[in-house]
Amino acid sequence: MFVKVTPRKKKGKTYYYAELVESYRENGKVKHKRLLYFGSVDLDTANRLKIAFSKNFDSFTNIDKVEFSSAVSYGNYYLLNNLSLSLGIFEFFKNNFQSTDDHLTAQTAVEYIKAMVFQRIIQPDSKLALVENYKATPLKHFLLLENKLDLQSLYRSLEVLEENFPQVEQYLYQLAVDKYKQNKKELYYDITSSYFEGNKCIIAEFGYSRDKRKDKEQIIIGLVTTANGFPIKCNIYPGNRPDKTTVVEVVEQLKKEYPIDEVVFVGDRGMLTAKNLKVIEELEQKYVMAIPRAWSKKYLKNIEIKADEMDKIDDELYAKFITSSDNRQRFLLCLNINKKTDDNNYRQNCLDKIKEELDRLIDGIGKNRNIKSKDDAMKKAGAITKLNNTGKYFIINSIDSDINPLGFTLTYHLKKDKLESDRRLDGTFLIQTNEDNYSKKKLLDVYKNLSKVENAFKIIKNDLDIRPMFHRKESRVKGHVYICVISYFLMIAIEYISKKNNLNKSARNILRILDKIKLLGINLPNGGKKYSITSLDNELKEILKIFKVKKMEVPEV
């Protein structure tokens, strides 16, 4: 039973006629039986009639007396809850976590972990902000907690997560392989750093900062992902740990902890050392790594680098295997002709800039009051060569000059051999592997997927706001990072489902769109309370359909 409103136009004016009808079927067709006719009404009255006879309202509700007590984001939280239920993540945590904290059970800790994961994805902020803003979110409808959060319980929950994270990694691995059909052989590894506010965390150390914050202590995070970016392992190291020293440990962990017979370990240039490769081979595992540019010169010294003598992979990319004195290794030389042009043009622009500045310096000797000696001039020239990385090609000398008032001038010339040696490698990169079965294209595809780990760190740092960190206890620092890893897994799952269904929207964009769905708290005139959600447009319905949300449930009071 519902109110049907029929608009009719007469002499350019629209009139509305309302009637109470009931649907029925006759010969397979839906028809309406009139129960009550209201006659001609204005549009406002028509809408009120619709609300009054809606199944969501009592028959005699006066719409003017309805109070909307709250309106909070709902669609994005609902999707996360629906997805986590389908994956069984938090249910698994509840059934398998153990807590050594006398003040917090494992089951309660999991509820707090869920709250932190949802916050980290939707509105990343501090733990204190989560406690203070809890009532302004719909989290209470998705958690088995009271109407408030306890800050100390949040912190303790981080410790519980840290204690049990090896089980989390195993479960994420199984989800990636079984649910999302990820290749369990080719695994990707990379490292990043994340800095701290304060200086009391025992694993925070000064080291090479990828955040360009040399003034801050940091930790090192090593992440292993599948080809599609699903994280399956995360290690955390002191901030001064060199990248290359973590590789053997990770490979040994993968072999020991996961049901994998053979791993193809894919890493970037910083991971490639003779010791690392030796250990990987001793463990009877495979690897794919790019060779550092300095090493490439040695391997490519007597190799012709011409596109017409290589196999064409696509419009820009060419490749060929080159011979190696070590039969266990294979080297794939790759040439991107567009990047070769770009590299050449960029270098030339940098050279021209330094030449221009040096010419201006030489012309000003004897005129510039700040240059009074050869030392002054050479220091200024040295500063100019540091404007960009082509300064290494310049040789600068001072010579006596009777023409110049100071009695000297400067000259410069280029290291042509070094310049040509580097120019020859423009647009190239060299991949090393001990995997015999990969074709050129397969090897390239495997290596290119390494960017998925780099993208993981971008999302963890930018979208999930892992920084800055204020925790002091090692277990809480690690717990905070692990919250980000679980959050990232859910975001990758959203993007994977999106791409598979040709939606092609990022997880961040999907959640932003679903944020339009608000949960309304409604106080009724009779003292009762109900919840309702805002209406769904076609875009929202399409997204929910893709994620198998047939009907968005409204919480019961």
Protein backbone atom coordinates (compact mmCIF):
# COMPACT_ATOMS: atom_id res chain seq x y z
CA MET A 1 0.00 0.00 0.00
CA PHE A 2 1.39 3.39 -0.96
CA VAL A 3 0.41 6.85 -2.11
CA LYS A 4 0.51 7.30 -5.86
CA VAL A 5 0.85 10.86 -7.16
CA THR A 6 -0.07 11.55 -10.79
CA PRO A 7 0.97 14.87 -12.39
CA ARG A 8 -1.22 16.33 -15.15
CA LYS A 9 -0.59 19.43 -17.22
CA LYS A 10 -3.38 21.83 -18.12
CA LYS A 11 -2.87 25.14 -19.90
CA GLY A 12 0.83 25.11 -19.06
CA LYS A 13 0.26 24.46 -15.36
CA THR A 14 0.93 21.16 -13.55
CA TYR A 15 -1.68 19.70 -11.19
CA TYR A 16 -1.10 16.75 -8.84
CA TYR A 17 -3.68 14.09 -7.97
CA ALA A 18 -3.07 11.69 -5.09
CA GLU A 19 -4.60 8.32 -4.30
CA LEU A 20 -3.87 5.47 -1.90
CA VAL A 21 -3.34 2.30 -3.94
CA GLU A 22 -2.44 -1.36 -3.50
CA SER A 23 -0.42 -3.40 -6.00
CA TYR A 24 -1.61 -6.71 -7.39
CA ARG A 25 -0.86 -8.94 -10.37
CA GLU A 26 -3.23 -9.88 -13.15
CA ASN A 27 -2.12 -12.06 -16.04
CA GLY A 28 1.50 -11.44 -15.07
CA LYS A 29 1.11 -7.65 -15.11
CA VAL A 30 1.35 -5.36 -12.07
CA LYS A 31 -1.78 -3.26 -11.55
CA HIS A 32 -2.95 -0.81 -8.89
CA LYS A 33 -6.20 -1.00 -6.96
CA ARG A 34 -7.45 2.32 -5.58
CA LEU A 35 -8.25 2.26 -1.87
CA LEU A 36 -8.71 5.97 -1.24
CA TYR A 37 -8.75 9.02 -3.51
CA PHE A 38 -7.37 12.31 -2.17
CA GLY A 39 -8.07 14.35 -5.29
CA SER A 40 -6.08 17.41 -6.33
CA VAL A 41 -3.22 18.33 -3.98
CA ASP A 42 -0.19 20.61 -4.07
CA LEU A 43 3.28 19.05 -4.34
CA ASP A 44 4.12 19.63 -0.66
CA THR A 45 0.93 17.86 0.46
CA ALA A 46 1.62 15.03 -1.96
CA ASN A 47 5.06 14.47 -0.41
CA ARG A 48 3.61 14.54 3.08
CA LEU A 49 1.02 11.95 2.10
CA LYS A 50 3.78 9.71 0.76
CA ILE A 51 5.66 9.95 4.05
CA ALA A 52 2.56 9.49 6.17
CA PHE A 53 1.66 6.24 4.46
CA SER A 54 5.22 4.97 4.11
CA LYS A 55 5.95 1.61 5.74
CA ASN A 56 8.80 3.30 7.61
CA PHE A 57 6.44 5.62 9.52
CA ASP A 58 3.45 5.17 11.77
CA SER A 59 0.16 5.93 10.04
CA PHE A 60 -0.60 9.06 12.03
CA THR A 61 2.92 10.58 12.21
CA ASN A 62 2.95 14.33 11.80
CA ILE A 63 5.98 15.13 9.63
CA ASP A 64 6.26 18.63 11.11
CA LYS A 65 6.92 17.15 14.55
CA VAL A 66 9.63 14.73 13.45
CA GLU A 67 13.10 15.63 14.75
CA PHE A 68 16.31 14.53 13.03
CA SER A 69 18.64 13.94 15.95
CA SER A 70 21.72 12.96 13.94
CA ALA A 71 23.11 12.52 10.43
CA VAL A 72 26.39 10.64 10.04
CA SER A 73 28.35 9.04 7.20
CA TYR A 74 27.13 5.51 6.64
CA GLY A 75 27.63 4.12 3.14
CA ASN A 76 31.44 3.97 3.32
CA TYR A 77 31.43 2.33 6.76
CA TYR A 78 28.75 -0.11 5.62
CA LEU A 79 30.85 -1.21 2.64
CA LEU A 80 33.90 -1.82 4.84
CA ASN A 81 31.84 -3.80 7.31
CA ASN A 82 30.19 -5.83 4.56
CA LEU A 83 33.56 -6.57 2.94
CA SER A 84 35.25 -7.54 6.22
CA LEU A 85 32.33 -9.86 7.03
CA SER A 86 32.61 -11.56 3.64
CA LEU A 87 36.36 -12.05 4.22
CA GLY A 88 35.86 -13.20 7.81
CA ILE A 89 38.85 -11.14 8.96
CA PHE A 90 37.69 -9.94 12.36
CA GLU A 91 35.84 -13.18 13.06
CA PHE A 92 39.11 -15.03 12.47
CA PHE A 93 40.87 -12.63 14.84
CA LYS A 94 38.29 -13.28 17.56
CA ASN A 95 38.59 -17.03 17.23
CA ASN A 96 42.40 -17.13 17.16
CA PHE A 97 43.85 -14.15 19.04
CA GLN A 98 45.26 -14.53 22.53
CA SER A 99 45.70 -11.67 24.98
CA THR A 100 48.33 -11.59 27.72
CA ASP A 101 46.86 -8.32 29.03
CA ASP A 102 44.83 -8.88 32.21
CA HIS A 103 42.84 -5.73 31.49
CA LEU A 104 41.67 -6.65 27.98
CA THR A 105 40.23 -9.81 26.45
CA ALA A 106 41.19 -10.78 22.92
CA GLN A 107 37.57 -10.42 21.78
CA THR A 108 37.33 -6.84 23.07
CA ALA A 109 40.73 -6.01 21.58
CA VAL A 110 39.50 -7.17 18.16
CA GLU A 111 36.53 -4.75 18.38
CA TYR A 112 38.97 -1.91 19.08
CA ILE A 113 41.22 -3.07 16.23
CA LYS A 114 38.22 -3.01 13.89
CA ALA A 115 37.41 0.54 15.00
CA MET A 116 41.01 1.66 14.33
CA VAL A 117 41.07 -0.02 10.89
CA PHE A 118 37.80 1.65 9.83
CA GLN A 119 39.02 5.02 11.11
CA ARG A 120 42.38 4.63 9.36
CA ILE A 121 40.65 4.01 6.02
CA ILE A 122 37.84 6.56 6.18
CA GLN A 123 39.15 9.42 8.31
CA PRO A 124 42.72 8.77 9.49
CA ASP A 125 43.48 10.57 12.72
CA SER A 126 44.92 10.01 16.17
CA LYS A 127 43.63 7.44 18.65
CA LEU A 128 42.47 10.30 20.89
CA ALA A 129 40.43 11.74 17.99
CA LEU A 130 38.80 8.34 17.50
CA VAL A 131 37.69 8.34 21.14
CA GLU A 132 36.46 11.93 21.07
CA ASN A 133 34.62 11.66 17.73
CA TYR A 134 33.21 8.16 18.25
CA LYS A 135 29.61 9.34 18.64
CA ALA A 136 29.88 11.36 15.42
CA THR A 137 30.45 8.15 13.46
CA PRO A 138 28.25 5.07 12.87
CA LEU A 139 30.93 2.78 14.35
CA LYS A 140 28.72 1.79 17.29
CA HIS A 141 26.41 0.02 14.84
CA PHE A 142 29.25 -2.19 13.61
CA LEU A 143 31.01 -2.93 16.93
CA LEU A 144 30.06 -5.01 19.94
CA LEU A 145 31.06 -2.22 22.30
CA GLU A 146 29.31 0.33 24.47
CA ASN A 147 28.58 3.84 23.25
CA LYS A 148 32.07 5.04 24.09
CA LEU A 149 35.67 3.99 23.56
CA ASP A 150 38.43 3.87 26.14
CA LEU A 151 41.76 5.37 25.05
CA GLN A 152 43.92 2.99 27.11
CA SER A 153 42.04 0.02 25.67
CA LEU A 154 42.85 1.30 22.18
CA TYR A 155 46.54 1.42 23.05
CA ARG A 156 46.44 -2.03 24.65
CA SER A 157 44.68 -3.40 21.58
CA LEU A 158 47.71 -2.38 19.51
CA GLU A 159 49.82 -4.61 21.75
CA VAL A 160 47.39 -7.51 21.31
CA LEU A 161 47.58 -7.07 17.53
CA GLU A 162 51.39 -7.03 17.65
CA GLU A 163 51.42 -10.28 19.66
CA ASN A 164 49.16 -12.04 17.17
CA PHE A 165 50.27 -10.52 13.87
CA PRO A 166 51.98 -13.70 12.53
CA GLN A 167 48.49 -15.26 12.43
CA VAL A 168 47.18 -12.16 10.64
CA GLU A 169 49.85 -12.51 7.96
CA GLN A 170 48.95 -16.16 7.42
CA TYR A 171 45.25 -15.31 7.09
CA LEU A 172 45.90 -12.42 4.69
CA TYR A 173 48.06 -14.74 2.60
CA GLN A 174 45.30 -17.35 2.40
CA LEU A 175 42.73 -14.69 1.47
CA ALA A 176 45.00 -13.34 -1.28
CA VAL A 177 45.60 -16.82 -2.74
CA ASP A 178 42.17 -18.42 -2.25
CA LYS A 179 39.75 -15.49 -2.45
CA TYR A 180 41.57 -13.27 -4.95
CA LYS A 181 43.48 -15.96 -6.87
CA GLN A 182 46.89 -14.36 -6.42
CA ASN A 183 50.03 -15.98 -7.79
CA LYS A 184 51.78 -17.31 -4.69
CA LYS A 185 55.08 -17.85 -6.47
CA GLU A 186 55.98 -14.30 -7.54
CA LEU A 187 56.27 -12.12 -4.47
CA TYR A 188 57.43 -8.50 -4.34
CA TYR A 189 59.51 -6.83 -1.67
CA ASP A 190 60.40 -3.25 -0.94
CA ILE A 191 61.33 -1.04 1.96
CA THR A 192 60.40 2.42 3.17
CA SER A 193 60.95 4.55 6.25
CA SER A 194 58.55 6.44 8.48
CA TYR A 195 59.57 9.14 10.93
CA PHE A 196 58.57 9.85 14.54
CA GLU A 197 57.53 12.86 16.56
CA GLY A 198 59.51 12.73 19.78
CA ASN A 199 62.60 10.69 20.57
CA LYS A 200 61.60 8.04 23.08
CA CYS A 201 60.77 5.06 20.85
CA ILE A 202 63.45 2.42 21.39
CA ILE A 203 63.50 1.20 17.77
CA ALA A 204 63.52 4.68 16.25
CA GLU A 205 66.96 5.62 14.91
CA PHE A 206 68.43 8.19 12.56
CA GLY A 207 69.05 6.77 9.09
CA TYR A 208 68.49 7.34 5.38
CA SER A 209 65.11 9.07 5.26
CA ARG A 210 62.84 8.47 2.28
CA ASP A 211 60.57 11.16 3.76
CA LYS A 212 63.37 13.74 3.43
CA ARG A 213 63.31 14.25 7.20
CA LYS A 214 66.90 13.82 8.32
CA ASP A 215 66.01 15.68 11.51
CA LYS A 216 63.64 12.93 12.68
CA GLU A 217 64.27 9.46 14.05
CA GLN A 218 62.54 6.74 12.06
CA ILE A 219 61.70 3.07 11.64
CA ILE A 220 62.17 0.90 8.55
CA ILE A 221 59.19 -1.01 7.14
CA GLY A 222 59.65 -3.97 4.81
CA LEU A 223 56.56 -5.13 2.93
CA VAL A 224 55.93 -8.25 0.82
CA THR A 225 52.99 -8.17 -1.59
CA THR A 226 51.48 -10.20 -4.40
CA ALA A 227 51.52 -9.00 -8.00
CA ASN A 228 48.22 -7.14 -7.46
CA GLY A 229 49.52 -5.47 -4.32
CA PHE A 230 47.88 -7.59 -1.59
CA PRO A 231 50.18 -7.37 1.47
CA ILE A 232 51.07 -10.73 3.02
CA LYS A 233 54.08 -9.95 5.21
CA CYS A 234 55.37 -6.90 7.06
CA ASN A 235 58.63 -6.58 8.98
CA ILE A 236 59.64 -3.58 11.08
CA TYR A 237 63.29 -2.70 11.73
CA PRO A 238 65.25 0.00 13.56
CA GLY A 239 65.61 3.18 11.53
CA ASN A 240 69.30 2.66 10.70
CA ARG A 241 68.93 -0.83 9.19
CA PRO A 242 70.34 -0.94 5.61
CA ASP A 243 67.90 -2.23 2.96
CA LYS A 244 70.15 -4.96 1.63
CA THR A 245 70.61 -6.58 5.06
CA THR A 246 66.89 -7.43 5.30
CA VAL A 247 66.62 -9.52 2.12
CA VAL A 248 67.97 -12.85 3.39
CA GLU A 249 65.79 -12.67 6.49
CA VAL A 250 62.63 -12.08 4.42
CA VAL A 251 63.36 -14.88 1.94
CA GLU A 252 64.02 -17.32 4.80
CA GLN A 253 60.77 -16.28 6.48
CA LEU A 254 58.76 -16.78 3.29
CA LYS A 255 60.19 -20.26 2.81
CA LYS A 256 59.68 -21.25 6.44
CA GLU A 257 56.34 -19.66 7.28
CA TYR A 258 54.32 -20.01 4.08
CA PRO A 259 53.22 -23.12 2.14
CA ILE A 260 55.31 -22.16 -0.88
CA ASP A 261 57.72 -24.56 -2.57
CA GLU A 262 59.46 -21.93 -4.66
CA VAL A 263 59.45 -18.15 -4.49
CA VAL A 264 60.44 -15.74 -7.23
CA PHE A 265 61.71 -12.88 -5.07
CA VAL A 266 61.31 -9.56 -6.90
CA GLY A 267 63.23 -6.58 -5.51
CA ASP A 268 64.69 -3.26 -6.60
CA ARG A 269 68.31 -2.24 -7.22
CA GLY A 270 69.09 -1.66 -3.55
CA MET A 271 68.49 -5.34 -2.73
CA LEU A 272 71.03 -6.76 -5.19
CA THR A 273 74.22 -7.90 -3.50
CA ALA A 274 76.38 -10.92 -4.20
CA LYS A 275 75.74 -12.23 -0.68
CA ASN A 276 71.96 -11.92 -1.02
CA LEU A 277 71.91 -13.69 -4.38
CA LYS A 278 74.10 -16.47 -3.06
CA VAL A 279 71.82 -17.12 -0.07
CA ILE A 280 68.68 -17.05 -2.25
CA GLU A 281 70.21 -19.67 -4.53
CA GLU A 282 71.36 -21.77 -1.57
CA LEU A 283 67.75 -21.77 -0.39
CA GLU A 284 66.83 -23.01 -3.89
CA GLN A 285 64.70 -19.96 -4.59
CA LYS A 286 64.45 -17.66 -7.60
CA TYR A 287 64.88 -13.91 -7.92
CA VAL A 288 64.26 -11.05 -10.35
CA MET A 289 66.11 -7.79 -9.71
CA ALA A 290 67.24 -4.77 -11.67
CA ILE A 291 70.97 -4.14 -11.77
CA PRO A 292 72.24 -0.78 -10.45
CA ARG A 293 73.32 1.62 -13.21
CA ALA A 294 76.95 1.52 -12.04
CA TRP A 295 76.98 -2.26 -12.53
CA SER A 296 75.22 -2.03 -15.90
CA LYS A 297 78.24 -0.30 -17.43
CA LYS A 298 80.37 -3.32 -16.66
CA TYR A 299 77.93 -5.81 -18.19
CA LEU A 300 77.12 -3.65 -21.22
CA LYS A 301 80.63 -2.46 -22.00
CA ASN A 302 80.92 -4.41 -25.26
CA ILE A 303 77.19 -4.84 -26.01
CA GLU A 304 75.50 -3.11 -28.95
CA ILE A 305 72.44 -1.19 -27.80
CA LYS A 306 70.28 -0.70 -30.90
CA ALA A 307 66.52 -1.06 -31.09
CA ASP A 308 66.66 -2.70 -34.53
CA GLU A 309 68.84 -5.49 -33.08
CA MET A 310 66.39 -6.21 -30.22
CA ASP A 311 62.94 -7.80 -29.97
CA LYS A 312 60.06 -5.35 -29.92
CA ILE A 313 57.92 -5.78 -26.79
CA ASP A 314 55.57 -2.85 -27.42
CA ASP A 315 55.62 0.50 -29.23
CA GLU A 316 58.28 1.96 -26.96
CA LEU A 317 60.05 -1.01 -25.39
CA TYR A 318 62.68 -3.34 -26.85
CA ALA A 319 64.58 -6.16 -25.15
CA LYS A 320 67.15 -8.90 -25.67
CA PHE A 321 68.97 -11.44 -23.53
CA ILE A 322 72.72 -10.94 -23.30
CA THR A 323 75.32 -13.62 -22.65
CA SER A 324 76.79 -14.13 -19.20
CA SER A 325 79.96 -15.87 -18.06
CA ASP A 326 77.88 -17.37 -15.25
CA ASN A 327 75.45 -19.90 -16.68
CA ARG A 328 73.22 -19.62 -13.62
CA GLN A 329 72.36 -15.99 -14.37
CA ARG A 330 70.29 -14.48 -17.16
CA PHE A 331 70.48 -10.80 -18.08
CA LEU A 332 67.74 -9.00 -19.99
CA LEU A 333 68.72 -5.71 -21.59
CA CYS A 334 65.72 -3.39 -21.99
CA LEU A 335 65.55 -0.19 -24.03
CA ASN A 336 62.74 2.35 -23.88
CA ILE A 337 63.23 4.57 -26.93
CA ASN A 338 61.01 7.38 -25.62
CA LYS A 339 62.85 7.46 -22.31
CA LYS A 340 66.16 7.44 -24.19
CA THR A 341 65.13 10.68 -25.91
CA ASP A 342 63.81 12.15 -22.64
CA ASP A 343 67.01 11.24 -20.76
CA ASN A 344 69.15 12.79 -23.48
CA ASN A 345 67.13 16.00 -23.61
CA TYR A 346 67.06 16.32 -19.83
CA ARG A 347 70.82 15.88 -19.54
CA GLN A 348 71.45 18.43 -22.29
CA ASN A 349 69.18 20.98 -20.59
CA CYS A 350 71.07 20.43 -17.31
CA LEU A 351 74.43 20.82 -19.08
CA ASP A 352 73.27 24.02 -20.76
CA LYS A 353 72.12 25.46 -17.43
CA ILE A 354 75.52 24.88 -15.80
CA LYS A 355 77.35 26.23 -18.86
CA GLU A 356 75.23 29.37 -18.78
CA GLU A 357 75.99 29.95 -15.09
CA LEU A 358 79.72 29.26 -15.56
CA ASP A 359 79.88 31.69 -18.51
CA ARG A 360 78.18 34.34 -16.38
CA LEU A 361 80.67 33.69 -13.58
CA ILE A 362 83.68 33.93 -15.91
CA ASP A 363 82.35 37.12 -17.46
CA GLY A 364 81.95 38.66 -13.97
CA ILE A 365 85.48 37.96 -12.72
CA GLY A 366 87.02 41.37 -12.09
CA LYS A 367 83.55 42.98 -12.01
CA ASN A 368 81.87 41.06 -9.19
CA ARG A 369 82.94 42.51 -5.84
CA ASN A 370 82.29 39.19 -4.06
CA ILE A 371 85.01 37.47 -6.09
CA LYS A 372 88.42 38.70 -5.00
CA SER A 373 90.65 35.66 -5.49
CA LYS A 374 91.00 32.35 -7.34
CA ASP A 375 89.65 30.55 -4.26
CA ASP A 376 86.48 32.68 -4.33
CA ALA A 377 85.99 31.97 -8.03
CA MET A 378 86.60 28.21 -7.71
CA LYS A 379 84.21 27.94 -4.74
CA LYS A 380 81.53 29.71 -6.76
CA ALA A 381 82.20 27.43 -9.73
CA GLY A 382 81.95 24.40 -7.46
CA ALA A 383 78.58 25.58 -6.20
CA ILE A 384 77.36 25.97 -9.80
CA THR A 385 78.32 22.38 -10.67
CA LYS A 386 76.05 21.23 -7.84
CA LEU A 387 72.97 22.80 -9.44
CA ASN A 388 72.13 19.41 -10.96
CA ASN A 389 73.69 15.99 -11.43
CA THR A 390 75.51 16.86 -14.65
CA GLY A 391 78.12 18.81 -12.70
CA LYS A 392 80.18 15.62 -12.60
CA TYR A 393 80.98 16.04 -16.31
CA PHE A 394 82.76 19.39 -15.87
CA ILE A 395 86.47 20.02 -15.35
CA ILE A 396 87.16 23.60 -14.21
CA ASN A 397 90.59 25.24 -14.07
CA SER A 398 91.93 28.66 -13.22
CA ILE A 399 94.52 30.20 -15.52
CA ASP A 400 96.56 33.38 -15.44
CA SER A 401 95.21 36.24 -17.56
CA ASP A 402 96.82 39.62 -18.25
CA ILE A 403 93.51 40.91 -19.59
CA ASN A 404 91.49 40.37 -16.40
CA PRO A 405 92.01 42.97 -13.63
CA LEU A 406 92.42 40.20 -11.03
CA GLY A 407 95.10 38.53 -13.13
CA PHE A 408 93.26 35.24 -13.66
CA THR A 409 90.19 33.73 -15.26
CA LEU A 410 88.45 30.34 -15.35
CA THR A 411 88.05 27.79 -18.13
CA TYR A 412 86.02 24.61 -18.30
CA HIS A 413 85.58 21.59 -20.53
CA LEU A 414 83.57 18.37 -20.43
CA LYS A 415 84.66 14.84 -19.62
CA LYS A 416 83.57 13.59 -23.02
CA ASP A 417 84.37 9.92 -22.43
CA LYS A 418 82.28 9.82 -19.25
CA LEU A 419 79.49 11.80 -20.92
CA GLU A 420 79.31 9.46 -23.91
CA SER A 421 79.49 6.40 -21.65
CA ASP A 422 76.44 7.57 -19.71
CA ARG A 423 74.61 8.80 -22.81
CA ARG A 424 74.97 5.36 -24.35
CA LEU A 425 72.87 3.88 -21.51
CA ASP A 426 70.02 6.39 -21.77
CA GLY A 427 66.64 4.68 -21.71
CA THR A 428 68.10 1.32 -20.69
CA PHE A 429 67.80 -0.93 -17.68
CA LEU A 430 69.18 -4.38 -17.04
CA ILE A 431 67.27 -7.17 -15.27
CA GLN A 432 69.06 -10.09 -13.65
CA THR A 433 67.38 -13.41 -12.81
CA ASN A 434 68.08 -17.09 -12.21
CA GLU A 435 64.64 -18.13 -13.49
CA ASP A 436 65.17 -20.08 -16.71
CA ASN A 437 61.57 -20.35 -17.87
CA TYR A 438 60.61 -16.70 -18.25
CA SER A 439 60.31 -15.20 -21.72
CA LYS A 440 61.39 -11.60 -22.31
CA LYS A 441 57.85 -10.28 -21.94
CA LYS A 442 57.09 -12.39 -18.86
CA LEU A 443 60.28 -11.24 -17.17
CA LEU A 444 59.44 -7.62 -17.92
CA ASP A 445 55.87 -8.02 -16.65
CA VAL A 446 57.12 -9.60 -13.43
CA TYR A 447 59.59 -6.80 -12.81
CA LYS A 448 57.13 -4.01 -13.67
CA ASN A 449 54.77 -5.26 -10.97
CA LEU A 450 57.34 -4.18 -8.38
CA SER A 451 55.69 -0.77 -8.65
CA LYS A 452 52.71 -2.26 -6.76
CA VAL A 453 54.79 -2.32 -3.55
CA GLU A 454 55.90 1.25 -4.16
CA ASN A 455 52.23 2.17 -4.63
CA ALA A 456 51.41 0.36 -1.38
CA PHE A 457 53.76 2.65 0.52
CA LYS A 458 52.24 5.71 -1.15
CA ILE A 459 48.76 4.68 -0.04
CA ILE A 460 49.91 3.77 3.48
CA LYS A 461 51.72 7.09 3.85
CA ASN A 462 49.29 9.41 2.05
CA ASP A 463 45.79 7.89 2.16
CA LEU A 464 46.15 6.07 5.48
CA ASP A 465 48.37 8.73 7.10
CA ILE A 466 50.76 6.41 8.90
CA ARG A 467 52.75 9.50 9.89
CA PRO A 468 53.43 11.13 12.19
CA MET A 469 53.82 8.54 14.97
CA PHE A 470 53.87 9.44 18.64
CA HIS A 471 53.89 5.98 20.26
CA ARG A 472 56.84 5.11 22.47
CA LYS A 473 56.46 1.39 23.22
CA GLU A 474 57.82 -0.88 20.50
CA SER A 475 54.73 -3.12 20.55
CA ARG A 476 52.40 -0.14 20.04
CA VAL A 477 54.52 1.28 17.22
CA LYS A 478 54.38 -2.07 15.45
CA GLY A 479 50.66 -2.39 16.20
CA HIS A 480 50.05 0.99 14.59
CA VAL A 481 51.90 -0.09 11.43
CA TYR A 482 49.98 -3.38 11.37
CA ILE A 483 46.67 -1.47 11.57
CA CYS A 484 47.79 0.33 8.40
CA VAL A 485 48.69 -2.98 6.70
CA ILE A 486 45.25 -4.50 7.43
CA SER A 487 43.62 -1.28 6.25
CA TYR A 488 45.65 -1.37 3.05
CA PHE A 489 44.61 -4.99 2.40
CA LEU A 490 40.94 -3.96 2.55
CA MET A 491 41.57 -1.02 0.21
CA ILE A 492 43.34 -3.28 -2.30
CA ALA A 493 40.42 -5.73 -2.07
CA ILE A 494 38.03 -2.87 -2.93
CA GLU A 495 40.15 -1.86 -5.92
CA TYR A 496 40.51 -5.48 -7.07
CA ILE A 497 36.72 -5.99 -7.05
CA SER A 498 36.23 -2.62 -8.73
CA LYS A 499 38.64 -3.41 -11.55
CA LYS A 500 37.28 -6.94 -12.02
CA ASN A 501 33.80 -5.45 -12.54
CA ASN A 502 35.07 -2.71 -14.92
CA LEU A 503 34.26 0.06 -12.43
CA ASN A 504 37.88 1.25 -12.54
CA LYS A 505 37.67 3.56 -9.56
CA SER A 506 40.18 3.77 -6.74
CA ALA A 507 39.18 2.61 -3.27
CA ARG A 508 39.49 6.18 -2.03
CA ASN A 509 37.11 7.41 -4.75
CA ILE A 510 34.58 4.64 -4.09
CA LEU A 511 34.52 5.37 -0.37
CA ARG A 512 34.18 9.09 -1.08
CA ILE A 513 31.16 8.45 -3.28
CA LEU A 514 29.53 6.16 -0.71
CA ASP A 515 30.01 8.85 1.92
CA LYS A 516 26.96 10.51 0.32
CA ILE A 517 24.80 7.88 2.02
CA LYS A 518 23.99 9.28 5.46
CA LEU A 519 22.37 7.56 8.41
CA LEU A 520 19.58 9.72 9.87
CA GLY A 521 18.49 9.43 13.48
CA ILE A 522 14.77 10.30 13.71
CA ASN A 523 12.88 11.16 16.91
CA LEU A 524 9.14 10.47 16.47
CA PRO A 525 6.31 12.48 18.13
CA ASN A 526 5.26 9.45 20.20
CA GLY A 527 8.70 9.33 21.83
CA GLY A 528 9.99 6.55 19.65
CA LYS A 529 13.12 6.63 17.53
CA LYS A 530 13.98 5.25 14.13
CA TYR A 531 16.88 5.23 11.72
CA SER A 532 16.71 5.89 8.02
CA ILE A 533 19.20 6.47 5.23
CA THR A 534 19.28 9.08 2.51
CA SER A 535 18.08 8.06 -0.94
CA LEU A 536 20.37 6.24 -3.36
CA ASP A 537 21.07 7.51 -6.86
CA ASN A 538 21.98 5.23 -9.77
CA GLU A 539 25.73 5.56 -9.19
CA LEU A 540 25.40 4.49 -5.57
CA LYS A 541 23.17 1.56 -6.51
CA GLU A 542 25.66 0.41 -9.14
CA ILE A 543 28.57 0.47 -6.69
CA LEU A 544 26.62 -1.42 -4.03
CA LYS A 545 25.56 -4.00 -6.62
CA ILE A 546 29.18 -4.62 -7.61
CA PHE A 547 30.03 -5.28 -3.97
CA LYS A 548 27.04 -7.60 -3.60
CA VAL A 549 25.11 -5.33 -1.25
CA LYS A 550 21.54 -6.19 -2.23
CA LYS A 551 19.93 -4.07 0.45
CA MET A 552 21.57 -1.66 2.84
CA GLU A 553 20.33 -2.57 6.29
CA VAL A 554 19.28 0.18 8.68
CA PRO A 555 20.18 -0.29 12.37
CA GLU A 556 17.43 -1.16 14.79
CA VAL A 557 16.87 1.02 17.80
